[in-house]
Amino acid sequence: MAAEVVGFIGLGHMGIPMTRRLVAAGYQVRGFDTSAQARANFAAIGSASPGSAGTGSAGTGAAGDEGDAGWGGVTAVAELALVGDGAAAVILMLPDSDVVERVLLGGGSAGRERADGEHTDGEHGDDGLLSCLAPGTTVIDMSSSDPARTKVLAATMAEAGVTLIDAPVSGGVVGARTGTLTVMVGGPAVAFERFKPMLAAIGARVVHAGDVGAGHAVKALNNLMSAAHLLASSEALVAGQRFGLDPAVMLEIINSSSGRSWSTQNKWPTFVLTEKYDAGFALRLMLKDIKLALAMELATGTPSTASEAVVAAWEAAAADLPADADHTAIARWVADQ
């Protein structure tokens, strides 16, 4: 049986390892990005060896070749309109609802903004991808989008016979490389079951969060909690350093105590103590997500005192730090205050 075809838009820090895993799982992936270099990076997946499957590499030939049995293939396309040709689904890995809507509905250039914050404009004219998709196609938005706008967009696409489900991820670039992402899916149960195997090639945990928009809602709320953890951890650890404590020793104690979090167990040891600040997720994208979460709290009448303080601190950090700053750089910003 011929391998299933899937389109993929957004070949940045997250998109490349995600497509690599899809190809390794046997899918024929048609990839689009407005960056020629990104398309070249994607095409290079086709020359990787099956022997590197442990890291998610795909053993195919040149872009578009059949490849070895059990392995998929890659086809890099330079036009947005071509990415969905023959595809049962098209996956989007883009920064926000603005870009997603421009890609799908047109009305202007489709932008591309990678996880590092770099942005380049597309040149597909006023026609969006929706006008090129066959009825029955499913679009899987794995971006961190606005859940309210996702619901509206899904209704618009349904009128054209195209299903939209949202499936954002948590786990960052490392999770994308290792296939350990958590995928939170919003949409009809039948669509979830249909594409769960495809999503399972990308993430270790694929969870149906509810109706369309539910995945994006959970993702925004998760990132609000993550941002709060990192901010509070940074303030506490910087205070300890100023008191004369060794941060590595503090982390050893905290990570076997009740104050531990993903920030203390992973982000501080890996990206802060090493002064790398390169987790692969931009500070401004984190700020966008936590603003979405705060808006949900306010819209539902939920107390938001702590959340408002978290957003205010991240806004201040974004104003002070370079435009391409990684989100872990907020720890350095705290230390500089």
C-alpha atoms as a PDB file:
ATOM      1  CA  MET A   1       0.000   0.000   0.000  1.00  0.00           C
ATOM      2  CA  ALA A   2       1.337   3.420  -0.912  1.00  0.00           C
ATOM      3  CA  ALA A   3       2.557   5.549   1.974  1.00  0.00           C
ATOM      4  CA  GLU A   4       0.152   8.235   3.170  1.00  0.00           C
ATOM      5  CA  VAL A   5       0.918  11.775   2.060  1.00  0.00           C
ATOM      6  CA  VAL A   6       0.952  14.657   4.536  1.00  0.00           C
ATOM      7  CA  GLY A   7       1.697  18.310   3.887  1.00  0.00           C
ATOM      8  CA  PHE A   8       3.723  20.326   6.381  1.00  0.00           C
ATOM      9  CA  ILE A   9       4.039  24.123   6.567  1.00  0.00           C
ATOM     10  CA  GLY A  10       6.666  25.750   8.791  1.00  0.00           C
ATOM     11  CA  LEU A  11      10.107  24.113   8.577  1.00  0.00           C
ATOM     12  CA  GLY A  12      11.821  25.902  11.457  1.00  0.00           C
ATOM     13  CA  HIS A  13      13.352  24.685  14.706  1.00  0.00           C
ATOM     14  CA  MET A  14      10.303  22.555  15.515  1.00  0.00           C
ATOM     15  CA  GLY A  15       9.176  21.722  11.988  1.00  0.00           C
ATOM     16  CA  ILE A  16      12.380  20.046  10.824  1.00  0.00           C
ATOM     17  CA  PRO A  17      12.608  17.450  13.625  1.00  0.00           C
ATOM     18  CA  MET A  18       8.848  16.868  13.453  1.00  0.00           C
ATOM     19  CA  THR A  19       8.946  16.174   9.721  1.00  0.00           C
ATOM     20  CA  ARG A  20      11.992  13.970  10.207  1.00  0.00           C
ATOM     21  CA  ARG A  21       9.989  11.775  12.562  1.00  0.00           C
ATOM     22  CA  LEU A  22       7.055  11.621  10.150  1.00  0.00           C
ATOM     23  CA  VAL A  23       9.343  10.450   7.354  1.00  0.00           C
ATOM     24  CA  ALA A  24      10.950   7.916   9.691  1.00  0.00           C
ATOM     25  CA  ALA A  25       7.446   6.576  10.404  1.00  0.00           C
ATOM     26  CA  GLY A  26       6.862   5.988   6.690  1.00  0.00           C
ATOM     27  CA  TYR A  27       4.936   9.092   5.627  1.00  0.00           C
ATOM     28  CA  GLN A  28       5.483  10.889   2.346  1.00  0.00           C
ATOM     29  CA  VAL A  29       5.884  14.493   3.519  1.00  0.00           C
ATOM     30  CA  ARG A  30       5.423  17.522   1.279  1.00  0.00           C
ATOM     31  CA  GLY A  31       7.094  20.461   3.019  1.00  0.00           C
ATOM     32  CA  PHE A  32       6.684  24.195   2.427  1.00  0.00           C
ATOM     33  CA  ASP A  33       8.395  27.196   3.918  1.00  0.00           C
ATOM     34  CA  THR A  34       8.977  30.663   2.494  1.00  0.00           C
ATOM     35  CA  SER A  35      12.671  30.319   3.371  1.00  0.00           C
ATOM     36  CA  ALA A  36      14.750  28.592   0.702  1.00  0.00           C
ATOM     37  CA  GLN A  37      17.245  27.525   3.373  1.00  0.00           C
ATOM     38  CA  ALA A  38      14.477  25.926   5.424  1.00  0.00           C
ATOM     39  CA  ARG A  39      13.293  24.006   2.360  1.00  0.00           C
ATOM     40  CA  ALA A  40      16.879  22.871   1.745  1.00  0.00           C
ATOM     41  CA  ASN A  41      17.148  21.683   5.353  1.00  0.00           C
ATOM     42  CA  PHE A  42      13.940  19.734   4.872  1.00  0.00           C
ATOM     43  CA  ALA A  43      15.088  18.218   1.578  1.00  0.00           C
ATOM     44  CA  ALA A  44      18.279  17.058   3.305  1.00  0.00           C
ATOM     45  CA  ILE A  45      16.188  14.681   5.415  1.00  0.00           C
ATOM     46  CA  GLY A  46      15.898  12.599   2.268  1.00  0.00           C
ATOM     47  CA  SER A  47      19.598  11.768   2.257  1.00  0.00           C
ATOM     48  CA  ALA A  48      19.773  10.702   5.904  1.00  0.00           C
ATOM     49  CA  SER A  49      20.484   7.102   6.805  1.00  0.00           C
ATOM     50  CA  PRO A  50      17.995   4.648   8.331  1.00  0.00           C
ATOM     51  CA  GLY A  51      20.751   3.817  10.753  1.00  0.00           C
ATOM     52  CA  SER A  52      20.104   7.110  12.515  1.00  0.00           C
ATOM     53  CA  ALA A  53      16.452   6.277  13.213  1.00  0.00           C
ATOM     54  CA  GLY A  54      17.082   6.607  16.909  1.00  0.00           C
ATOM     55  CA  THR A  55      17.392  10.328  16.461  1.00  0.00           C
ATOM     56  CA  GLY A  56      14.439  10.478  14.133  1.00  0.00           C
ATOM     57  CA  SER A  57      16.368  10.650  10.858  1.00  0.00           C
ATOM     58  CA  ALA A  58      14.735   9.249   7.753  1.00  0.00           C
ATOM     59  CA  GLY A  59      16.341   6.844   5.337  1.00  0.00           C
ATOM     60  CA  THR A  60      15.126   8.134   2.022  1.00  0.00           C
ATOM     61  CA  GLY A  61      16.831   9.065  -1.167  1.00  0.00           C
ATOM     62  CA  ALA A  62      16.816  12.545  -2.692  1.00  0.00           C
ATOM     63  CA  ALA A  63      13.774  14.687  -2.042  1.00  0.00           C
ATOM     64  CA  GLY A  64      10.735  13.033  -3.516  1.00  0.00           C
ATOM     65  CA  ASP A  65      12.323   9.575  -3.970  1.00  0.00           C
ATOM     66  CA  GLU A  66      10.616   6.399  -2.841  1.00  0.00           C
ATOM     67  CA  GLY A  67      13.346   5.589  -0.291  1.00  0.00           C
ATOM     68  CA  ASP A  68      13.889   2.285   1.550  1.00  0.00           C
ATOM     69  CA  ALA A  69      10.988   0.016   2.441  1.00  0.00           C
ATOM     70  CA  GLY A  70       9.312   1.139   5.635  1.00  0.00           C
ATOM     71  CA  TRP A  71      10.586   4.655   5.273  1.00  0.00           C
ATOM     72  CA  GLY A  72       8.754   7.629   3.806  1.00  0.00           C
ATOM     73  CA  GLY A  73      10.025  10.389   1.592  1.00  0.00           C
ATOM     74  CA  VAL A  74      10.324  14.135   1.306  1.00  0.00           C
ATOM     75  CA  THR A  75       9.202  16.564  -1.354  1.00  0.00           C
ATOM     76  CA  ALA A  76      10.110  20.208  -0.815  1.00  0.00           C
ATOM     77  CA  VAL A  77       7.683  22.516  -2.630  1.00  0.00           C
ATOM     78  CA  ALA A  78       8.335  26.184  -3.324  1.00  0.00           C
ATOM     79  CA  GLU A  79       4.666  27.148  -3.708  1.00  0.00           C
ATOM     80  CA  LEU A  80       2.103  27.097  -0.920  1.00  0.00           C
ATOM     81  CA  ALA A  81      -0.604  25.887  -3.310  1.00  0.00           C
ATOM     82  CA  LEU A  82       1.289  22.636  -3.924  1.00  0.00           C
ATOM     83  CA  VAL A  83       1.827  21.511  -0.346  1.00  0.00           C
ATOM     84  CA  GLY A  84      -1.522  19.758  -0.035  1.00  0.00           C
ATOM     85  CA  ASP A  85      -1.435  17.845  -3.333  1.00  0.00           C
ATOM     86  CA  GLY A  86      -2.586  14.299  -2.649  1.00  0.00           C
ATOM     87  CA  ALA A  87      -2.432  14.847   1.113  1.00  0.00           C
ATOM     88  CA  ALA A  88      -4.977  13.517   3.589  1.00  0.00           C
ATOM     89  CA  ALA A  89      -3.824  16.165   6.042  1.00  0.00           C
ATOM     90  CA  VAL A  90      -1.756  19.332   6.097  1.00  0.00           C
ATOM     91  CA  ILE A  91       0.069  20.203   9.320  1.00  0.00           C
ATOM     92  CA  LEU A  92       0.811  23.804  10.281  1.00  0.00           C
ATOM     93  CA  MET A  93       3.673  24.687  12.656  1.00  0.00           C
ATOM     94  CA  LEU A  94       3.470  28.493  12.759  1.00  0.00           C
ATOM     95  CA  PRO A  95       3.776  31.125  15.498  1.00  0.00           C
ATOM     96  CA  ASP A  96       0.247  32.478  15.944  1.00  0.00           C
ATOM     97  CA  SER A  97      -3.284  32.880  14.627  1.00  0.00           C
ATOM     98  CA  ASP A  98      -2.371  35.862  12.450  1.00  0.00           C
ATOM     99  CA  VAL A  99       0.040  33.784  10.393  1.00  0.00           C
ATOM    100  CA  VAL A 100      -2.216  30.726  10.377  1.00  0.00           C
ATOM    101  CA  GLU A 101      -5.131  32.761   9.017  1.00  0.00           C
ATOM    102  CA  ARG A 102      -2.982  34.413   6.335  1.00  0.00           C
ATOM    103  CA  VAL A 103      -1.700  31.022   5.212  1.00  0.00           C
ATOM    104  CA  LEU A 104      -5.141  29.419   5.088  1.00  0.00           C
ATOM    105  CA  LEU A 105      -7.345  32.302   3.990  1.00  0.00           C
ATOM    106  CA  GLY A 106      -4.944  34.576   2.109  1.00  0.00           C
ATOM    107  CA  GLY A 107      -5.634  38.282   1.903  1.00  0.00           C
ATOM    108  CA  GLY A 108      -1.938  39.165   2.046  1.00  0.00           C
ATOM    109  CA  SER A 109       1.478  37.612   2.283  1.00  0.00           C
ATOM    110  CA  ALA A 110       1.730  34.538   4.447  1.00  0.00           C
ATOM    111  CA  GLY A 111       4.381  35.192   7.030  1.00  0.00           C
ATOM    112  CA  ARG A 112       6.665  32.690   8.581  1.00  0.00           C
ATOM    113  CA  GLU A 113       8.080  33.137  12.035  1.00  0.00           C
ATOM    114  CA  ARG A 114      10.268  30.440  13.443  1.00  0.00           C
ATOM    115  CA  ALA A 115      10.536  29.467  17.073  1.00  0.00           C
ATOM    116  CA  ASP A 116      13.586  31.725  17.356  1.00  0.00           C
ATOM    117  CA  GLY A 117      11.460  34.736  16.395  1.00  0.00           C
ATOM    118  CA  GLU A 118      12.835  35.222  12.873  1.00  0.00           C
ATOM    119  CA  HIS A 119      10.128  36.288  10.425  1.00  0.00           C
ATOM    120  CA  THR A 120      10.066  36.246   6.656  1.00  0.00           C
ATOM    121  CA  ASP A 121       7.207  37.115   4.334  1.00  0.00           C
ATOM    122  CA  GLY A 122       5.658  34.626   1.958  1.00  0.00           C
ATOM    123  CA  GLU A 123       4.755  35.447  -1.605  1.00  0.00           C
ATOM    124  CA  HIS A 124       1.668  33.456  -2.463  1.00  0.00           C
ATOM    125  CA  GLY A 125      -0.497  36.441  -3.320  1.00  0.00           C
ATOM    126  CA  ASP A 126      -4.036  36.833  -2.029  1.00  0.00           C
ATOM    127  CA  ASP A 127      -5.094  33.176  -2.354  1.00  0.00           C
ATOM    128  CA  GLY A 128      -4.807  31.120   0.805  1.00  0.00           C
ATOM    129  CA  LEU A 129      -4.216  27.398   1.075  1.00  0.00           C
ATOM    130  CA  LEU A 130      -7.897  26.675   1.746  1.00  0.00           C
ATOM    131  CA  SER A 131      -8.774  27.489  -1.854  1.00  0.00           C
ATOM    132  CA  CYS A 132      -6.328  24.792  -3.007  1.00  0.00           C
ATOM    133  CA  LEU A 133      -7.405  21.953  -0.724  1.00  0.00           C
ATOM    134  CA  ALA A 134      -9.755  19.198  -1.824  1.00  0.00           C
ATOM    135  CA  PRO A 135     -12.941  18.699   0.200  1.00  0.00           C
ATOM    136  CA  GLY A 136     -12.338  16.044   2.830  1.00  0.00           C
ATOM    137  CA  THR A 137      -8.827  17.254   3.642  1.00  0.00           C
ATOM    138  CA  THR A 138      -7.969  17.845   7.304  1.00  0.00           C
ATOM    139  CA  VAL A 139      -5.763  20.723   8.459  1.00  0.00           C
ATOM    140  CA  ILE A 140      -3.926  20.083  11.737  1.00  0.00           C
ATOM    141  CA  ASP A 141      -2.861  23.327  13.381  1.00  0.00           C
ATOM    142  CA  MET A 142       0.033  22.474  15.704  1.00  0.00           C
ATOM    143  CA  SER A 143       0.830  26.149  16.217  1.00  0.00           C
ATOM    144  CA  SER A 144       0.188  28.000  19.485  1.00  0.00           C
ATOM    145  CA  SER A 145      -2.919  29.805  18.307  1.00  0.00           C
ATOM    146  CA  ASP A 146      -5.782  31.727  19.907  1.00  0.00           C
ATOM    147  CA  PRO A 147      -8.467  29.143  20.821  1.00  0.00           C
ATOM    148  CA  ALA A 148     -11.353  31.544  20.165  1.00  0.00           C
ATOM    149  CA  ARG A 149     -10.042  32.357  16.695  1.00  0.00           C
ATOM    150  CA  THR A 150      -9.437  28.658  16.048  1.00  0.00           C
ATOM    151  CA  LYS A 151     -13.147  27.961  16.597  1.00  0.00           C
ATOM    152  CA  VAL A 152     -14.143  30.664  14.116  1.00  0.00           C
ATOM    153  CA  LEU A 153     -11.583  29.459  11.586  1.00  0.00           C
ATOM    154  CA  ALA A 154     -12.815  25.873  11.893  1.00  0.00           C
ATOM    155  CA  ALA A 155     -16.356  26.975  11.047  1.00  0.00           C
ATOM    156  CA  THR A 156     -15.120  28.899   8.005  1.00  0.00           C
ATOM    157  CA  MET A 157     -13.132  25.933   6.744  1.00  0.00           C
ATOM    158  CA  ALA A 158     -16.018  23.533   7.314  1.00  0.00           C
ATOM    159  CA  GLU A 159     -18.036  25.513   4.765  1.00  0.00           C
ATOM    160  CA  ALA A 160     -15.409  24.487   2.195  1.00  0.00           C
ATOM    161  CA  GLY A 161     -15.547  20.850   3.270  1.00  0.00           C
ATOM    162  CA  VAL A 162     -12.204  20.996   5.111  1.00  0.00           C
ATOM    163  CA  THR A 163     -11.841  19.918   8.739  1.00  0.00           C
ATOM    164  CA  LEU A 164      -9.620  21.877  11.130  1.00  0.00           C
ATOM    165  CA  ILE A 165      -8.289  20.322  14.306  1.00  0.00           C
ATOM    166  CA  ASP A 166      -5.832  21.945  16.698  1.00  0.00           C
ATOM    167  CA  ALA A 167      -2.924  19.928  18.046  1.00  0.00           C
ATOM    168  CA  PRO A 168      -0.308  22.125  19.753  1.00  0.00           C
ATOM    169  CA  VAL A 169       2.614  20.506  21.518  1.00  0.00           C
ATOM    170  CA  SER A 170       4.664  20.798  24.676  1.00  0.00           C
ATOM    171  CA  GLY A 171       8.236  19.626  25.050  1.00  0.00           C
ATOM    172  CA  GLY A 172      10.216  22.069  22.948  1.00  0.00           C
ATOM    173  CA  VAL A 173      12.895  21.384  20.380  1.00  0.00           C
ATOM    174  CA  VAL A 174      14.401  18.553  22.424  1.00  0.00           C
ATOM    175  CA  GLY A 175      11.022  16.845  22.591  1.00  0.00           C
ATOM    176  CA  ALA A 176      10.554  17.294  18.851  1.00  0.00           C
ATOM    177  CA  ARG A 177      13.926  15.684  18.182  1.00  0.00           C
ATOM    178  CA  THR A 178      13.373  12.743  20.506  1.00  0.00           C
ATOM    179  CA  GLY A 179       9.689  12.204  19.754  1.00  0.00           C
ATOM    180  CA  THR A 180       8.673  12.807  23.375  1.00  0.00           C
ATOM    181  CA  LEU A 181       6.320  15.738  22.790  1.00  0.00           C
ATOM    182  CA  THR A 182       2.906  15.895  24.409  1.00  0.00           C
ATOM    183  CA  VAL A 183       0.264  16.600  21.745  1.00  0.00           C
ATOM    184  CA  MET A 184      -3.023  18.128  22.954  1.00  0.00           C
ATOM    185  CA  VAL A 185      -5.774  17.777  20.365  1.00  0.00           C
ATOM    186  CA  GLY A 186      -9.013  19.678  19.916  1.00  0.00           C
ATOM    187  CA  GLY A 187     -11.598  18.569  17.379  1.00  0.00           C
ATOM    188  CA  PRO A 188     -14.136  15.875  16.489  1.00  0.00           C
ATOM    189  CA  ALA A 189     -13.452  12.461  17.991  1.00  0.00           C
ATOM    190  CA  VAL A 190     -13.519  10.835  14.556  1.00  0.00           C
ATOM    191  CA  ALA A 191     -10.789  13.178  13.269  1.00  0.00           C
ATOM    192  CA  PHE A 192      -8.737  12.589  16.415  1.00  0.00           C
ATOM    193  CA  GLU A 193      -8.872   8.815  15.950  1.00  0.00           C
ATOM    194  CA  ARG A 194      -8.154   9.106  12.217  1.00  0.00           C
ATOM    195  CA  PHE A 195      -4.941  11.103  12.696  1.00  0.00           C
ATOM    196  CA  LYS A 196      -3.781   9.903  16.106  1.00  0.00           C
ATOM    197  CA  PRO A 197      -1.251   7.479  14.529  1.00  0.00           C
ATOM    198  CA  MET A 198       0.218  10.343  12.505  1.00  0.00           C
ATOM    199  CA  LEU A 199       0.497  12.537  15.580  1.00  0.00           C
ATOM    200  CA  ALA A 200       1.942   9.619  17.564  1.00  0.00           C
ATOM    201  CA  ALA A 201       4.882   9.621  15.153  1.00  0.00           C
ATOM    202  CA  ILE A 202       5.657  13.106  16.475  1.00  0.00           C
ATOM    203  CA  GLY A 203       4.806  12.837  20.165  1.00  0.00           C
ATOM    204  CA  ALA A 204       4.855  10.191  22.868  1.00  0.00           C
ATOM    205  CA  ARG A 205       1.567  11.357  24.400  1.00  0.00           C
ATOM    206  CA  VAL A 206      -1.383  12.267  22.170  1.00  0.00           C
ATOM    207  CA  VAL A 207      -4.405  13.371  24.211  1.00  0.00           C
ATOM    208  CA  HIS A 208      -7.878  14.370  23.012  1.00  0.00           C
ATOM    209  CA  ALA A 209      -8.515  17.575  24.981  1.00  0.00           C
ATOM    210  CA  GLY A 210     -12.047  18.165  23.683  1.00  0.00           C
ATOM    211  CA  ASP A 211     -13.774  20.055  20.883  1.00  0.00           C
ATOM    212  CA  VAL A 212     -11.949  22.276  18.399  1.00  0.00           C
ATOM    213  CA  GLY A 213      -9.993  24.983  20.230  1.00  0.00           C
ATOM    214  CA  ALA A 214      -9.489  22.847  23.330  1.00  0.00           C
ATOM    215  CA  GLY A 215      -5.919  21.966  22.439  1.00  0.00           C
ATOM    216  CA  HIS A 216      -4.968  25.589  21.954  1.00  0.00           C
ATOM    217  CA  ALA A 217      -6.680  26.509  25.221  1.00  0.00           C
ATOM    218  CA  VAL A 218      -4.752  23.896  27.215  1.00  0.00           C
ATOM    219  CA  LYS A 219      -1.492  24.912  25.534  1.00  0.00           C
ATOM    220  CA  ALA A 220      -1.916  28.575  26.479  1.00  0.00           C
ATOM    221  CA  LEU A 221      -2.788  27.703  30.079  1.00  0.00           C
ATOM    222  CA  ASN A 222       0.129  25.268  30.294  1.00  0.00           C
ATOM    223  CA  ASN A 223       2.524  27.959  29.095  1.00  0.00           C
ATOM    224  CA  LEU A 224       1.143  30.419  31.631  1.00  0.00           C
ATOM    225  CA  MET A 225       1.990  27.933  34.355  1.00  0.00           C
ATOM    226  CA  SER A 226       5.403  27.250  32.795  1.00  0.00           C
ATOM    227  CA  ALA A 227       6.184  30.974  32.591  1.00  0.00           C
ATOM    228  CA  ALA A 228       5.132  31.473  36.200  1.00  0.00           C
ATOM    229  CA  HIS A 229       7.317  28.566  37.327  1.00  0.00           C
ATOM    230  CA  LEU A 230      10.369  29.889  35.473  1.00  0.00           C
ATOM    231  CA  LEU A 231       9.888  33.426  36.761  1.00  0.00           C
ATOM    232  CA  ALA A 232       9.366  32.380  40.391  1.00  0.00           C
ATOM    233  CA  SER A 233      12.241  29.880  40.227  1.00  0.00           C
ATOM    234  CA  SER A 234      14.542  32.536  38.797  1.00  0.00           C
ATOM    235  CA  GLU A 235      13.643  35.075  41.461  1.00  0.00           C
ATOM    236  CA  ALA A 236      14.181  32.524  44.249  1.00  0.00           C
ATOM    237  CA  LEU A 237      17.463  31.187  42.871  1.00  0.00           C
ATOM    238  CA  VAL A 238      18.866  34.676  42.212  1.00  0.00           C
ATOM    239  CA  ALA A 239      17.929  35.630  45.777  1.00  0.00           C
ATOM    240  CA  GLY A 240      19.789  32.563  47.016  1.00  0.00           C
ATOM    241  CA  GLN A 241      22.868  33.479  44.970  1.00  0.00           C
ATOM    242  CA  ARG A 242      22.860  36.994  46.407  1.00  0.00           C
ATOM    243  CA  PHE A 243      22.607  35.462  49.867  1.00  0.00           C
ATOM    244  CA  GLY A 244      25.764  33.499  49.109  1.00  0.00           C
ATOM    245  CA  LEU A 245      24.338  30.110  48.134  1.00  0.00           C
ATOM    246  CA  ASP A 246      25.608  27.955  45.269  1.00  0.00           C
ATOM    247  CA  PRO A 247      22.803  27.700  42.681  1.00  0.00           C
ATOM    248  CA  ALA A 248      23.823  24.160  41.700  1.00  0.00           C
ATOM    249  CA  VAL A 249      23.543  23.065  45.319  1.00  0.00           C
ATOM    250  CA  MET A 250      20.208  24.845  45.645  1.00  0.00           C
ATOM    251  CA  LEU A 251      18.900  23.004  42.613  1.00  0.00           C
ATOM    252  CA  GLU A 252      20.094  19.657  43.980  1.00  0.00           C
ATOM    253  CA  ILE A 253      18.070  20.291  47.133  1.00  0.00           C
ATOM    254  CA  ILE A 254      15.020  21.839  45.460  1.00  0.00           C
ATOM    255  CA  ASN A 255      14.754  19.085  42.861  1.00  0.00           C
ATOM    256  CA  SER A 256      14.208  16.514  45.597  1.00  0.00           C
ATOM    257  CA  SER A 257      11.843  18.819  47.482  1.00  0.00           C
ATOM    258  CA  SER A 258       8.382  20.306  47.066  1.00  0.00           C
ATOM    259  CA  GLY A 259       9.558  23.412  45.159  1.00  0.00           C
ATOM    260  CA  ARG A 260      10.745  21.481  42.130  1.00  0.00           C
ATOM    261  CA  SER A 261       9.325  22.091  38.652  1.00  0.00           C
ATOM    262  CA  TRP A 262      10.318  21.563  35.021  1.00  0.00           C
ATOM    263  CA  SER A 263      12.105  24.908  35.265  1.00  0.00           C
ATOM    264  CA  THR A 264      14.334  23.742  38.121  1.00  0.00           C
ATOM    265  CA  GLN A 265      14.776  20.222  36.801  1.00  0.00           C
ATOM    266  CA  ASN A 266      15.502  21.104  33.186  1.00  0.00           C
ATOM    267  CA  LYS A 267      15.608  24.765  32.193  1.00  0.00           C
ATOM    268  CA  TRP A 268      17.876  26.124  34.920  1.00  0.00           C
ATOM    269  CA  PRO A 269      20.480  23.288  34.792  1.00  0.00           C
ATOM    270  CA  THR A 270      20.507  23.042  30.995  1.00  0.00           C
ATOM    271  CA  PHE A 271      20.086  26.603  29.767  1.00  0.00           C
ATOM    272  CA  VAL A 272      20.665  29.032  32.657  1.00  0.00           C
ATOM    273  CA  LEU A 273      23.586  27.688  34.696  1.00  0.00           C
ATOM    274  CA  THR A 274      25.384  26.957  31.431  1.00  0.00           C
ATOM    275  CA  GLU A 275      24.541  30.498  30.220  1.00  0.00           C
ATOM    276  CA  LYS A 276      23.406  29.046  26.873  1.00  0.00           C
ATOM    277  CA  TYR A 277      19.873  30.482  26.945  1.00  0.00           C
ATOM    278  CA  ASP A 278      19.010  28.509  23.820  1.00  0.00           C
ATOM    279  CA  ALA A 279      16.034  26.276  24.602  1.00  0.00           C
ATOM    280  CA  GLY A 280      14.634  27.109  21.146  1.00  0.00           C
ATOM    281  CA  PHE A 281      11.439  28.925  22.145  1.00  0.00           C
ATOM    282  CA  ALA A 282      11.436  32.701  21.862  1.00  0.00           C
ATOM    283  CA  LEU A 283      10.594  34.889  24.828  1.00  0.00           C
ATOM    284  CA  ARG A 284       8.127  36.866  22.724  1.00  0.00           C
ATOM    285  CA  LEU A 285       6.278  33.709  21.714  1.00  0.00           C
ATOM    286  CA  MET A 286       5.994  32.755  25.366  1.00  0.00           C
ATOM    287  CA  LEU A 287       4.636  36.232  26.092  1.00  0.00           C
ATOM    288  CA  LYS A 288       2.070  35.821  23.314  1.00  0.00           C
ATOM    289  CA  ASP A 289       0.876  32.529  24.802  1.00  0.00           C
ATOM    290  CA  ILE A 290       0.566  33.755  28.371  1.00  0.00           C
ATOM    291  CA  LYS A 291      -1.409  36.776  27.203  1.00  0.00           C
ATOM    292  CA  LEU A 292      -3.849  34.373  25.541  1.00  0.00           C
ATOM    293  CA  ALA A 293      -4.159  32.466  28.807  1.00  0.00           C
ATOM    294  CA  LEU A 294      -4.727  35.638  30.806  1.00  0.00           C
ATOM    295  CA  ALA A 295      -7.427  36.692  28.350  1.00  0.00           C
ATOM    296  CA  MET A 296      -9.156  33.348  28.965  1.00  0.00           C
ATOM    297  CA  GLU A 297      -9.052  33.918  32.707  1.00  0.00           C
ATOM    298  CA  LEU A 298     -10.494  37.406  32.376  1.00  0.00           C
ATOM    299  CA  ALA A 299     -13.191  36.256  29.925  1.00  0.00           C
ATOM    300  CA  THR A 300     -14.310  33.495  32.301  1.00  0.00           C
ATOM    301  CA  GLY A 301     -14.261  35.667  35.422  1.00  0.00           C
ATOM    302  CA  THR A 302     -11.424  33.681  36.974  1.00  0.00           C
ATOM    303  CA  PRO A 303      -9.256  35.413  39.634  1.00  0.00           C
ATOM    304  CA  SER A 304      -6.046  36.405  37.859  1.00  0.00           C
ATOM    305  CA  THR A 305      -3.925  38.378  40.329  1.00  0.00           C
ATOM    306  CA  ALA A 306      -0.889  36.114  40.023  1.00  0.00           C
ATOM    307  CA  SER A 307      -1.296  35.713  36.255  1.00  0.00           C
ATOM    308  CA  GLU A 308      -1.430  39.465  35.714  1.00  0.00           C
ATOM    309  CA  ALA A 309       1.805  39.863  37.679  1.00  0.00           C
ATOM    310  CA  VAL A 310       3.468  37.136  35.614  1.00  0.00           C
ATOM    311  CA  VAL A 311       2.419  38.747  32.335  1.00  0.00           C
ATOM    312  CA  ALA A 312       3.617  42.176  33.529  1.00  0.00           C
ATOM    313  CA  ALA A 313       7.059  40.774  34.389  1.00  0.00           C
ATOM    314  CA  TRP A 314       7.410  39.013  31.034  1.00  0.00           C
ATOM    315  CA  GLU A 315       6.339  42.189  29.240  1.00  0.00           C
ATOM    316  CA  ALA A 316       9.052  44.115  31.067  1.00  0.00           C
ATOM    317  CA  ALA A 317      11.638  41.476  30.145  1.00  0.00           C
ATOM    318  CA  ALA A 318      10.564  41.565  26.501  1.00  0.00           C
ATOM    319  CA  ALA A 319      10.996  45.338  26.474  1.00  0.00           C
ATOM    320  CA  ASP A 320      14.556  45.066  27.803  1.00  0.00           C
ATOM    321  CA  LEU A 321      15.907  41.986  26.032  1.00  0.00           C
ATOM    322  CA  PRO A 322      16.842  41.580  22.346  1.00  0.00           C
ATOM    323  CA  ALA A 323      14.041  40.768  19.927  1.00  0.00           C
ATOM    324  CA  ASP A 324      15.369  37.240  19.364  1.00  0.00           C
ATOM    325  CA  ALA A 325      15.903  36.412  23.061  1.00  0.00           C
ATOM    326  CA  ASP A 326      15.124  32.859  24.142  1.00  0.00           C
ATOM    327  CA  HIS A 327      12.481  32.555  26.843  1.00  0.00           C
ATOM    328  CA  THR A 328      15.047  31.174  29.306  1.00  0.00           C
ATOM    329  CA  ALA A 329      16.822  34.547  29.126  1.00  0.00           C
ATOM    330  CA  ILE A 330      14.256  35.861  31.594  1.00  0.00           C
ATOM    331  CA  ALA A 331      16.458  34.289  34.287  1.00  0.00           C
ATOM    332  CA  ARG A 332      19.334  36.514  33.172  1.00  0.00           C
ATOM    333  CA  TRP A 333      16.964  39.494  33.101  1.00  0.00           C
ATOM    334  CA  VAL A 334      15.937  38.789  36.711  1.00  0.00           C
ATOM    335  CA  ALA A 335      19.588  38.614  37.741  1.00  0.00           C
ATOM    336  CA  ASP A 336      20.281  41.963  36.105  1.00  0.00           C
ATOM    337  CA  GLN A 337      17.570  43.819  38.015  1.00  0.00           C
END
